[in-house]
Amino acid sequence: MSTQSTSATESSAQAATEQPLSRDDVFHLLQNARRRGVVRYLSERDDDAVYEMRDIATQVAAWENNKPIAQLNSDERQRVYISLYQGHLPKLAEKGLIEYNQSRGRVESTPRLEQLEAYVTTDTDEQQADSEPATTEDSTSLKYYSGATAVSVALFVATTLGLAPAVIAGSLATIITGLFGVTTLGVTSRTLR
């Protein structure tokens, strides 16, 4: 009877690993940076290889601390190692994404891991390209607002010193409001493009 229950458990576990991950499972598995690091590490390497857990923990710690592996200290490595050992690797193994031999500290990816690889960005050029337009838009916005502020200050100083006719003094608030309105529309239209 125990043989039947063992084989039934194995077949249900195998059936679960053959089904695609649900959206909730994908989000849950990728919500933690260390699990994402493990997926990234394994997806960047040979699918058939077996990896030492300490090597994975060391690389994830390096990514987490933005340091080369050689500059990591013992505490930084240990924090990541313990969390991977106790929680993250067993969670990935439970979902059938990796084969994890906890006693030997060995990890091997399974074909199911490919379901998460699309969500892990590894191309640093792509990350830099994504950040450049925001910087360009920020500097363009700064130019628009700086120009509008300079014109507004010039009109205010001219009115205060009596250099501008009285008609301009009465209309100064309208001019400044209109100037900022036009500038805001210009910046908004450039941002939406």
N, C-alpha and C. Protein backbone atom coordinates (compact mmCIF):
# COMPACT_ATOMS: atom_id res chain seq x y z
N MET A 1 0.81 -1.20 0.00
CA MET A 1 0.00 0.00 0.00
C MET A 1 0.85 1.26 0.00
N SER A 2 1.97 1.24 0.72
CA SER A 2 2.83 2.41 0.72
C SER A 2 3.49 2.61 -0.64
N THR A 3 3.72 1.54 -1.38
CA THR A 3 4.28 1.65 -2.72
C THR A 3 3.31 2.36 -3.64
N GLN A 4 2.01 2.04 -3.51
CA GLN A 4 1.01 2.69 -4.34
C GLN A 4 0.91 4.18 -4.01
N SER A 5 0.94 4.53 -2.73
CA SER A 5 0.82 5.94 -2.36
C SER A 5 2.06 6.72 -2.77
N THR A 6 3.24 6.08 -2.71
CA THR A 6 4.46 6.75 -3.14
C THR A 6 4.43 7.01 -4.63
N SER A 7 4.04 6.02 -5.41
CA SER A 7 3.99 6.21 -6.86
C SER A 7 2.89 7.20 -7.24
N ALA A 8 1.79 7.22 -6.50
CA ALA A 8 0.72 8.19 -6.76
C ALA A 8 1.21 9.60 -6.48
N THR A 9 1.98 9.76 -5.40
CA THR A 9 2.53 11.08 -5.06
C THR A 9 3.52 11.53 -6.13
N GLU A 10 4.38 10.61 -6.58
CA GLU A 10 5.36 10.95 -7.61
C GLU A 10 4.67 11.31 -8.92
N SER A 11 3.64 10.57 -9.29
CA SER A 11 2.96 10.86 -10.56
C SER A 11 2.20 12.18 -10.48
N SER A 12 1.62 12.51 -9.32
CA SER A 12 0.93 13.80 -9.21
C SER A 12 1.93 14.94 -9.21
N ALA A 13 3.12 14.74 -8.61
CA ALA A 13 4.16 15.77 -8.63
C ALA A 13 4.68 15.95 -10.05
N GLN A 14 4.84 14.84 -10.77
CA GLN A 14 5.31 14.92 -12.15
C GLN A 14 4.28 15.63 -13.03
N ALA A 15 3.01 15.33 -12.84
CA ALA A 15 1.95 15.98 -13.61
C ALA A 15 1.92 17.47 -13.33
N ALA A 16 2.16 17.85 -12.07
CA ALA A 16 2.16 19.28 -11.71
C ALA A 16 3.30 20.01 -12.39
N THR A 17 4.48 19.36 -12.52
CA THR A 17 5.61 20.02 -13.16
C THR A 17 5.48 20.08 -14.67
N GLU A 18 4.61 19.27 -15.26
CA GLU A 18 4.42 19.31 -16.71
C GLU A 18 3.43 20.39 -17.13
N GLN A 19 2.59 20.84 -16.21
CA GLN A 19 1.62 21.89 -16.53
C GLN A 19 2.33 23.24 -16.52
N PRO A 20 1.88 24.18 -17.34
CA PRO A 20 2.48 25.51 -17.29
C PRO A 20 2.18 26.18 -15.95
N LEU A 21 3.10 27.04 -15.54
CA LEU A 21 2.90 27.79 -14.29
C LEU A 21 1.76 28.77 -14.46
N SER A 22 0.98 28.93 -13.42
CA SER A 22 -0.09 29.94 -13.46
C SER A 22 0.54 31.33 -13.35
N ARG A 23 -0.19 32.33 -13.74
CA ARG A 23 0.28 33.70 -13.64
C ARG A 23 0.62 34.06 -12.19
N ASP A 24 -0.23 33.62 -11.26
CA ASP A 24 0.03 33.87 -9.84
C ASP A 24 1.33 33.22 -9.39
N ASP A 25 1.58 31.99 -9.83
CA ASP A 25 2.83 31.31 -9.48
C ASP A 25 4.03 32.06 -10.03
N VAL A 26 3.94 32.51 -11.28
CA VAL A 26 5.05 33.25 -11.89
C VAL A 26 5.32 34.51 -11.08
N PHE A 27 4.28 35.28 -10.76
CA PHE A 27 4.47 36.51 -10.00
C PHE A 27 5.01 36.22 -8.61
N HIS A 28 4.50 35.17 -7.97
CA HIS A 28 4.97 34.83 -6.63
C HIS A 28 6.45 34.42 -6.66
N LEU A 29 6.82 33.61 -7.63
CA LEU A 29 8.20 33.15 -7.71
C LEU A 29 9.17 34.28 -8.03
N LEU A 30 8.73 35.24 -8.83
CA LEU A 30 9.62 36.32 -9.25
C LEU A 30 9.53 37.56 -8.36
N GLN A 31 8.71 37.51 -7.31
CA GLN A 31 8.57 38.70 -6.47
C GLN A 31 9.82 38.95 -5.63
N ASN A 32 10.68 37.95 -5.48
CA ASN A 32 11.87 38.10 -4.67
C ASN A 32 13.10 38.24 -5.56
N ALA A 33 13.93 39.22 -5.26
CA ALA A 33 15.12 39.49 -6.08
C ALA A 33 16.10 38.32 -6.07
N ARG A 34 16.19 37.63 -4.96
CA ARG A 34 17.13 36.50 -4.89
C ARG A 34 16.66 35.33 -5.76
N ARG A 35 15.36 35.08 -5.79
CA ARG A 35 14.87 34.03 -6.69
C ARG A 35 15.08 34.45 -8.14
N ARG A 36 14.84 35.74 -8.43
CA ARG A 36 15.11 36.22 -9.79
C ARG A 36 16.58 36.05 -10.13
N GLY A 37 17.45 36.28 -9.15
CA GLY A 37 18.88 36.10 -9.36
C GLY A 37 19.24 34.66 -9.69
N VAL A 38 18.62 33.72 -9.00
CA VAL A 38 18.86 32.29 -9.27
C VAL A 38 18.40 31.95 -10.69
N VAL A 39 17.22 32.43 -11.06
CA VAL A 39 16.70 32.16 -12.41
C VAL A 39 17.64 32.77 -13.45
N ARG A 40 18.09 33.98 -13.19
CA ARG A 40 19.02 34.64 -14.12
C ARG A 40 20.32 33.84 -14.23
N TYR A 41 20.87 33.45 -13.09
CA TYR A 41 22.12 32.68 -13.08
C TYR A 41 21.99 31.42 -13.91
N LEU A 42 20.93 30.67 -13.67
CA LEU A 42 20.75 29.40 -14.38
C LEU A 42 20.43 29.60 -15.86
N SER A 43 19.69 30.65 -16.18
CA SER A 43 19.32 30.87 -17.58
C SER A 43 20.49 31.36 -18.42
N GLU A 44 21.50 31.93 -17.78
CA GLU A 44 22.68 32.41 -18.51
C GLU A 44 23.72 31.31 -18.74
N ARG A 45 23.46 30.13 -18.20
CA ARG A 45 24.44 29.06 -18.29
C ARG A 45 23.87 27.83 -19.01
N ASP A 46 24.72 26.83 -19.16
CA ASP A 46 24.37 25.58 -19.84
C ASP A 46 23.23 24.88 -19.11
N ASP A 47 22.19 24.49 -19.85
CA ASP A 47 21.01 23.87 -19.26
C ASP A 47 21.29 22.52 -18.59
N ASP A 48 22.26 21.78 -19.09
CA ASP A 48 22.48 20.42 -18.61
C ASP A 48 23.46 20.34 -17.44
N ALA A 49 24.05 21.43 -17.04
CA ALA A 49 25.07 21.40 -16.00
C ALA A 49 24.45 21.38 -14.60
N VAL A 50 25.24 20.89 -13.66
CA VAL A 50 24.87 20.90 -12.25
C VAL A 50 25.77 21.95 -11.59
N TYR A 51 25.16 22.82 -10.80
CA TYR A 51 25.90 23.93 -10.19
C TYR A 51 25.96 23.78 -8.68
N GLU A 52 27.03 24.29 -8.12
CA GLU A 52 27.17 24.32 -6.67
C GLU A 52 26.36 25.49 -6.14
N MET A 53 25.63 25.23 -5.07
CA MET A 53 24.80 26.27 -4.49
C MET A 53 25.63 27.47 -4.04
N ARG A 54 26.83 27.22 -3.52
CA ARG A 54 27.66 28.34 -3.05
C ARG A 54 28.06 29.26 -4.20
N ASP A 55 28.26 28.70 -5.41
CA ASP A 55 28.59 29.53 -6.57
C ASP A 55 27.41 30.41 -6.96
N ILE A 56 26.22 29.83 -6.91
CA ILE A 56 25.01 30.61 -7.22
C ILE A 56 24.84 31.71 -6.18
N ALA A 57 24.99 31.36 -4.90
CA ALA A 57 24.82 32.35 -3.82
C ALA A 57 25.84 33.47 -3.95
N THR A 58 27.07 33.13 -4.31
CA THR A 58 28.11 34.14 -4.46
C THR A 58 27.77 35.11 -5.59
N GLN A 59 27.32 34.59 -6.73
CA GLN A 59 26.98 35.47 -7.85
C GLN A 59 25.77 36.32 -7.53
N VAL A 60 24.75 35.75 -6.91
CA VAL A 60 23.56 36.52 -6.54
C VAL A 60 23.94 37.61 -5.54
N ALA A 61 24.83 37.31 -4.60
CA ALA A 61 25.30 38.32 -3.64
C ALA A 61 26.05 39.44 -4.35
N ALA A 62 26.84 39.10 -5.35
CA ALA A 62 27.56 40.12 -6.11
C ALA A 62 26.59 41.04 -6.84
N TRP A 63 25.57 40.47 -7.47
CA TRP A 63 24.56 41.29 -8.16
C TRP A 63 23.82 42.16 -7.16
N GLU A 64 23.47 41.57 -6.04
CA GLU A 64 22.69 42.28 -5.02
C GLU A 64 23.46 43.47 -4.44
N ASN A 65 24.78 43.31 -4.28
CA ASN A 65 25.61 44.35 -3.68
C ASN A 65 26.34 45.21 -4.70
N ASN A 66 26.09 44.96 -5.99
CA ASN A 66 26.75 45.71 -7.07
C ASN A 66 28.26 45.72 -6.92
N LYS A 67 28.81 44.54 -6.68
CA LYS A 67 30.25 44.39 -6.50
C LYS A 67 30.75 43.20 -7.32
N PRO A 68 32.03 43.23 -7.68
CA PRO A 68 32.61 42.02 -8.26
C PRO A 68 32.69 40.94 -7.17
N ILE A 69 32.70 39.71 -7.57
CA ILE A 69 32.73 38.60 -6.61
C ILE A 69 33.93 38.72 -5.67
N ALA A 70 35.06 39.13 -6.19
CA ALA A 70 36.28 39.22 -5.38
C ALA A 70 36.16 40.24 -4.24
N GLN A 71 35.27 41.21 -4.37
CA GLN A 71 35.13 42.25 -3.34
C GLN A 71 34.05 41.94 -2.31
N LEU A 72 33.36 40.82 -2.44
CA LEU A 72 32.34 40.46 -1.46
C LEU A 72 32.99 40.06 -0.15
N ASN A 73 32.35 40.43 0.96
CA ASN A 73 32.84 39.94 2.24
C ASN A 73 32.02 38.74 2.68
N SER A 74 32.45 38.11 3.74
CA SER A 74 31.83 36.87 4.21
C SER A 74 30.36 37.06 4.58
N ASP A 75 30.04 38.18 5.25
CA ASP A 75 28.65 38.43 5.66
C ASP A 75 27.71 38.55 4.46
N GLU A 76 28.17 39.24 3.42
CA GLU A 76 27.33 39.41 2.22
C GLU A 76 27.05 38.06 1.56
N ARG A 77 28.06 37.22 1.48
CA ARG A 77 27.87 35.89 0.90
C ARG A 77 26.94 35.04 1.78
N GLN A 78 27.19 35.09 3.08
CA GLN A 78 26.45 34.24 4.02
C GLN A 78 24.97 34.56 4.05
N ARG A 79 24.62 35.86 4.03
CA ARG A 79 23.20 36.25 4.05
C ARG A 79 22.45 35.64 2.87
N VAL A 80 23.04 35.73 1.70
CA VAL A 80 22.39 35.19 0.50
C VAL A 80 22.36 33.67 0.55
N TYR A 81 23.47 33.07 0.96
CA TYR A 81 23.56 31.61 1.02
C TYR A 81 22.47 31.03 1.91
N ILE A 82 22.31 31.59 3.09
CA ILE A 82 21.33 31.07 4.05
C ILE A 82 19.91 31.19 3.50
N SER A 83 19.59 32.35 2.92
CA SER A 83 18.21 32.52 2.42
C SER A 83 17.94 31.60 1.23
N LEU A 84 18.94 31.38 0.38
CA LEU A 84 18.74 30.45 -0.73
C LEU A 84 18.59 29.02 -0.21
N TYR A 85 19.43 28.65 0.74
CA TYR A 85 19.40 27.30 1.29
C TYR A 85 18.08 26.99 1.98
N GLN A 86 17.62 27.93 2.81
CA GLN A 86 16.44 27.67 3.63
C GLN A 86 15.11 27.90 2.91
N GLY A 87 15.08 28.82 1.97
CA GLY A 87 13.77 29.16 1.42
C GLY A 87 13.64 29.19 -0.08
N HIS A 88 14.53 29.92 -0.73
CA HIS A 88 14.32 30.20 -2.15
C HIS A 88 14.54 28.98 -3.05
N LEU A 89 15.62 28.25 -2.85
CA LEU A 89 15.85 27.07 -3.69
C LEU A 89 14.82 25.98 -3.44
N PRO A 90 14.44 25.71 -2.17
CA PRO A 90 13.35 24.73 -1.98
C PRO A 90 12.04 25.16 -2.66
N LYS A 91 11.75 26.46 -2.67
CA LYS A 91 10.53 26.96 -3.32
C LYS A 91 10.59 26.71 -4.83
N LEU A 92 11.75 26.98 -5.44
CA LEU A 92 11.90 26.74 -6.88
C LEU A 92 11.84 25.24 -7.20
N ALA A 93 12.40 24.43 -6.31
CA ALA A 93 12.35 22.97 -6.50
C ALA A 93 10.92 22.45 -6.34
N GLU A 94 10.19 23.00 -5.39
CA GLU A 94 8.80 22.60 -5.16
C GLU A 94 7.94 22.82 -6.40
N LYS A 95 8.22 23.89 -7.13
CA LYS A 95 7.46 24.20 -8.34
C LYS A 95 8.01 23.50 -9.58
N GLY A 96 9.07 22.69 -9.41
CA GLY A 96 9.61 21.91 -10.52
C GLY A 96 10.50 22.70 -11.46
N LEU A 97 11.01 23.84 -11.02
CA LEU A 97 11.86 24.66 -11.87
C LEU A 97 13.32 24.23 -11.82
N ILE A 98 13.70 23.66 -10.69
CA ILE A 98 15.07 23.17 -10.51
C ILE A 98 15.02 21.82 -9.80
N GLU A 99 16.12 21.10 -9.93
CA GLU A 99 16.34 19.93 -9.09
C GLU A 99 17.37 20.37 -8.07
N TYR A 100 17.03 20.25 -6.79
CA TYR A 100 17.86 20.78 -5.72
C TYR A 100 18.19 19.68 -4.74
N ASN A 101 19.46 19.35 -4.63
CA ASN A 101 19.94 18.39 -3.64
C ASN A 101 20.49 19.21 -2.49
N GLN A 102 19.66 19.43 -1.49
CA GLN A 102 20.01 20.32 -0.39
C GLN A 102 21.21 19.80 0.40
N SER A 103 21.28 18.49 0.63
CA SER A 103 22.37 17.95 1.43
C SER A 103 23.73 18.08 0.73
N ARG A 104 23.75 18.02 -0.57
CA ARG A 104 25.00 18.15 -1.32
C ARG A 104 25.23 19.58 -1.84
N GLY A 105 24.21 20.41 -1.76
CA GLY A 105 24.34 21.78 -2.24
C GLY A 105 24.46 21.87 -3.74
N ARG A 106 23.69 21.07 -4.45
CA ARG A 106 23.75 21.05 -5.91
C ARG A 106 22.42 21.46 -6.51
N VAL A 107 22.51 22.21 -7.60
CA VAL A 107 21.32 22.74 -8.26
C VAL A 107 21.43 22.47 -9.76
N GLU A 108 20.32 22.04 -10.33
CA GLU A 108 20.26 21.80 -11.77
C GLU A 108 18.93 22.34 -12.28
N SER A 109 18.97 23.06 -13.39
CA SER A 109 17.71 23.60 -13.93
C SER A 109 16.94 22.50 -14.65
N THR A 110 15.64 22.69 -14.72
CA THR A 110 14.77 21.77 -15.45
C THR A 110 14.20 22.53 -16.65
N PRO A 111 13.63 21.84 -17.62
CA PRO A 111 13.04 22.54 -18.77
C PRO A 111 11.95 23.54 -18.36
N ARG A 112 11.33 23.31 -17.23
CA ARG A 112 10.25 24.19 -16.77
C ARG A 112 10.76 25.60 -16.42
N LEU A 113 12.05 25.71 -16.12
CA LEU A 113 12.63 27.01 -15.78
C LEU A 113 12.50 28.00 -16.93
N GLU A 114 12.42 27.48 -18.15
CA GLU A 114 12.30 28.35 -19.33
C GLU A 114 11.06 29.24 -19.26
N GLN A 115 10.05 28.82 -18.51
CA GLN A 115 8.83 29.62 -18.38
C GLN A 115 9.10 30.95 -17.67
N LEU A 116 10.17 31.01 -16.86
CA LEU A 116 10.49 32.24 -16.14
C LEU A 116 11.58 33.05 -16.81
N GLU A 117 12.34 32.45 -17.71
CA GLU A 117 13.48 33.14 -18.31
C GLU A 117 13.09 34.41 -19.04
N ALA A 118 11.93 34.43 -19.64
CA ALA A 118 11.49 35.62 -20.39
C ALA A 118 11.31 36.83 -19.48
N TYR A 119 11.09 36.59 -18.19
CA TYR A 119 10.84 37.69 -17.26
C TYR A 119 12.11 38.24 -16.62
N VAL A 120 13.24 37.59 -16.86
CA VAL A 120 14.49 38.00 -16.23
C VAL A 120 15.35 38.69 -17.27
N THR A 121 15.59 39.97 -17.09
CA THR A 121 16.39 40.75 -18.03
C THR A 121 17.86 40.54 -17.72
N THR A 122 18.63 40.18 -18.75
CA THR A 122 20.06 39.99 -18.56
C THR A 122 20.89 40.89 -19.45
N ASP A 123 20.26 41.61 -20.36
CA ASP A 123 20.98 42.45 -21.30
C ASP A 123 21.17 43.83 -20.70
N THR A 124 22.41 44.15 -20.28
CA THR A 124 22.66 45.44 -19.65
C THR A 124 22.54 46.58 -20.66
N ASP A 125 22.81 46.32 -21.95
CA ASP A 125 22.64 47.37 -22.96
C ASP A 125 21.18 47.77 -23.06
N GLU A 126 20.28 46.79 -22.96
CA GLU A 126 18.85 47.08 -23.02
C GLU A 126 18.42 47.91 -21.82
N GLN A 127 18.98 47.60 -20.64
CA GLN A 127 18.64 48.36 -19.44
C GLN A 127 19.12 49.80 -19.58
N GLN A 128 20.34 49.99 -20.12
CA GLN A 128 20.85 51.34 -20.30
C GLN A 128 20.04 52.10 -21.33
N ALA A 129 19.63 51.44 -22.40
CA ALA A 129 18.83 52.09 -23.44
C ALA A 129 17.49 52.53 -22.88
N ASP A 130 16.92 51.72 -21.98
CA ASP A 130 15.64 52.09 -21.37
C ASP A 130 15.78 53.31 -20.49
N SER A 131 16.93 53.51 -19.87
CA SER A 131 17.07 54.63 -18.95
C SER A 131 17.46 55.93 -19.66
N GLU A 132 18.03 55.87 -20.84
CA GLU A 132 18.47 57.07 -21.53
C GLU A 132 17.33 58.01 -21.95
N PRO A 133 16.21 57.53 -22.52
CA PRO A 133 15.16 58.46 -22.90
C PRO A 133 14.59 59.25 -21.73
N ALA A 134 14.50 58.65 -20.57
CA ALA A 134 13.98 59.36 -19.41
C ALA A 134 14.90 60.52 -19.06
N THR A 135 16.21 60.31 -19.15
CA THR A 135 17.17 61.37 -18.87
C THR A 135 17.04 62.48 -19.90
N THR A 136 16.89 62.14 -21.17
CA THR A 136 16.74 63.13 -22.22
C THR A 136 15.46 63.93 -22.02
N GLU A 137 14.36 63.25 -21.70
CA GLU A 137 13.10 63.94 -21.47
C GLU A 137 13.19 64.86 -20.26
N ASP A 138 13.88 64.42 -19.22
CA ASP A 138 14.04 65.25 -18.03
C ASP A 138 14.81 66.53 -18.36
N SER A 139 15.89 66.42 -19.17
CA SER A 139 16.67 67.61 -19.50
C SER A 139 15.88 68.54 -20.42
N THR A 140 15.07 67.98 -21.32
CA THR A 140 14.23 68.80 -22.19
C THR A 140 13.19 69.55 -21.36
N SER A 141 12.56 68.86 -20.42
CA SER A 141 11.58 69.50 -19.54
C SER A 141 12.23 70.61 -18.75
N LEU A 142 13.44 70.35 -18.26
CA LEU A 142 14.15 71.36 -17.49
C LEU A 142 14.41 72.60 -18.34
N LYS A 143 14.74 72.43 -19.61
CA LYS A 143 14.98 73.57 -20.49
C LYS A 143 13.71 74.39 -20.68
N TYR A 144 12.58 73.70 -20.91
CA TYR A 144 11.31 74.41 -21.08
C TYR A 144 10.96 75.23 -19.84
N TYR A 145 11.01 74.58 -18.69
CA TYR A 145 10.63 75.26 -17.46
C TYR A 145 11.63 76.36 -17.08
N SER A 146 12.91 76.16 -17.37
CA SER A 146 13.91 77.20 -17.10
C SER A 146 13.66 78.42 -17.98
N GLY A 147 13.34 78.19 -19.24
CA GLY A 147 13.04 79.30 -20.14
C GLY A 147 11.80 80.06 -19.71
N ALA A 148 10.75 79.35 -19.33
CA ALA A 148 9.52 80.00 -18.88
C ALA A 148 9.77 80.80 -17.61
N THR A 149 10.57 80.25 -16.71
CA THR A 149 10.88 80.96 -15.46
C THR A 149 11.70 82.21 -15.74
N ALA A 150 12.67 82.13 -16.65
CA ALA A 150 13.50 83.29 -16.97
C ALA A 150 12.66 84.43 -17.55
N VAL A 151 11.75 84.10 -18.47
CA VAL A 151 10.88 85.13 -19.05
C VAL A 151 9.98 85.73 -17.99
N SER A 152 9.44 84.90 -17.11
CA SER A 152 8.56 85.39 -16.04
C SER A 152 9.30 86.31 -15.09
N VAL A 153 10.53 85.94 -14.72
CA VAL A 153 11.32 86.78 -13.82
C VAL A 153 11.65 88.11 -14.50
N ALA A 154 11.99 88.07 -15.79
CA ALA A 154 12.30 89.30 -16.52
C ALA A 154 11.09 90.23 -16.55
N LEU A 155 9.89 89.69 -16.81
CA LEU A 155 8.68 90.51 -16.81
C LEU A 155 8.40 91.08 -15.42
N PHE A 156 8.61 90.30 -14.38
CA PHE A 156 8.37 90.76 -13.02
C PHE A 156 9.33 91.89 -12.65
N VAL A 157 10.61 91.72 -12.97
CA VAL A 157 11.61 92.76 -12.67
C VAL A 157 11.30 94.03 -13.44
N ALA A 158 10.94 93.90 -14.71
CA ALA A 158 10.62 95.08 -15.52
C ALA A 158 9.43 95.81 -14.95
N THR A 159 8.43 95.11 -14.49
CA THR A 159 7.24 95.74 -13.91
C THR A 159 7.57 96.39 -12.57
N THR A 160 8.35 95.71 -11.75
CA THR A 160 8.70 96.24 -10.42
C THR A 160 9.54 97.50 -10.54
N LEU A 161 10.45 97.57 -11.47
CA LEU A 161 11.31 98.74 -11.64
C LEU A 161 10.62 99.86 -12.43
N GLY A 162 9.42 99.62 -12.88
CA GLY A 162 8.69 100.64 -13.62
C GLY A 162 9.13 100.76 -15.06
N LEU A 163 9.86 99.79 -15.56
CA LEU A 163 10.33 99.84 -16.94
C LEU A 163 9.25 99.42 -17.92
N ALA A 164 8.28 98.67 -17.44
CA ALA A 164 7.20 98.20 -18.30
C ALA A 164 6.00 99.12 -18.14
N PRO A 165 5.25 99.35 -19.21
CA PRO A 165 4.06 100.20 -19.10
C PRO A 165 3.03 99.57 -18.15
N ALA A 166 2.10 100.37 -17.69
CA ALA A 166 1.09 99.93 -16.73
C ALA A 166 0.21 98.83 -17.29
N VAL A 167 0.02 98.78 -18.59
CA VAL A 167 -0.80 97.74 -19.21
C VAL A 167 -0.18 96.37 -18.97
N ILE A 168 1.15 96.30 -19.08
CA ILE A 168 1.84 95.02 -18.85
C ILE A 168 1.74 94.64 -17.37
N ALA A 169 1.84 95.63 -16.48
CA ALA A 169 1.79 95.35 -15.05
C ALA A 169 0.46 94.69 -14.67
N GLY A 170 -0.63 95.14 -15.25
CA GLY A 170 -1.93 94.55 -14.95
C GLY A 170 -2.09 93.17 -15.56
N SER A 171 -1.39 92.92 -16.64
CA SER A 171 -1.54 91.65 -17.35
C SER A 171 -0.45 90.64 -17.01
N LEU A 172 0.43 90.99 -16.09
CA LEU A 172 1.57 90.13 -15.77
C LEU A 172 1.13 88.74 -15.31
N ALA A 173 0.14 88.67 -14.45
CA ALA A 173 -0.33 87.38 -13.95
C ALA A 173 -0.88 86.54 -15.10
N THR A 174 -1.60 87.16 -16.01
CA THR A 174 -2.15 86.43 -17.15
C THR A 174 -1.04 85.93 -18.07
N ILE A 175 -0.04 86.75 -18.29
CA ILE A 175 1.07 86.35 -19.16
C ILE A 175 1.84 85.18 -18.56
N ILE A 176 2.14 85.27 -17.28
CA ILE A 176 2.90 84.20 -16.63
C ILE A 176 2.10 82.90 -16.62
N THR A 177 0.83 82.98 -16.29
CA THR A 177 -0.02 81.79 -16.28
C THR A 177 -0.09 81.17 -17.67
N GLY A 178 -0.29 82.01 -18.68
CA GLY A 178 -0.34 81.51 -20.06
C GLY A 178 0.97 80.88 -20.49
N LEU A 179 2.08 81.51 -20.11
CA LEU A 179 3.40 81.00 -20.47
C LEU A 179 3.63 79.61 -19.87
N PHE A 180 3.31 79.46 -18.60
CA PHE A 180 3.47 78.15 -17.97
C PHE A 180 2.49 77.13 -18.54
N GLY A 181 1.29 77.56 -18.91
CA GLY A 181 0.32 76.65 -19.51
C GLY A 181 0.81 76.12 -20.84
N VAL A 182 1.33 77.01 -21.70
CA VAL A 182 1.85 76.60 -23.01
C VAL A 182 3.05 75.68 -22.83
N THR A 183 3.93 76.02 -21.90
CA THR A 183 5.11 75.19 -21.64
C THR A 183 4.70 73.80 -21.17
N THR A 184 3.74 73.74 -20.28
CA THR A 184 3.27 72.45 -19.77
C THR A 184 2.66 71.61 -20.89
N LEU A 185 1.88 72.23 -21.76
CA LEU A 185 1.31 71.51 -22.90
C LEU A 185 2.42 70.98 -23.83
N GLY A 186 3.44 71.80 -24.04
CA GLY A 186 4.56 71.38 -24.89
C GLY A 186 5.30 70.19 -24.31
N VAL A 187 5.57 70.24 -23.02
CA VAL A 187 6.27 69.13 -22.36
C VAL A 187 5.41 67.88 -22.38
N THR A 188 4.11 68.04 -22.11
CA THR A 188 3.20 66.89 -22.09
C THR A 188 3.11 66.24 -23.46
N SER A 189 3.01 67.05 -24.51
CA SER A 189 2.91 66.47 -25.86
C SER A 189 4.19 65.75 -26.25
N ARG A 190 5.35 66.25 -25.84
CA ARG A 190 6.62 65.57 -26.13
C ARG A 190 6.73 64.26 -25.37
N THR A 191 6.22 64.24 -24.15
CA THR A 191 6.29 63.04 -23.33
C THR A 191 5.39 61.95 -23.89
N LEU A 192 4.24 62.30 -24.43
CA LEU A 192 3.28 61.32 -24.94
C LEU A 192 3.70 60.73 -26.28
N ARG A 193 4.63 61.34 -26.97
CA ARG A 193 5.07 60.82 -28.27
C ARG A 193 5.80 59.56 -28.18
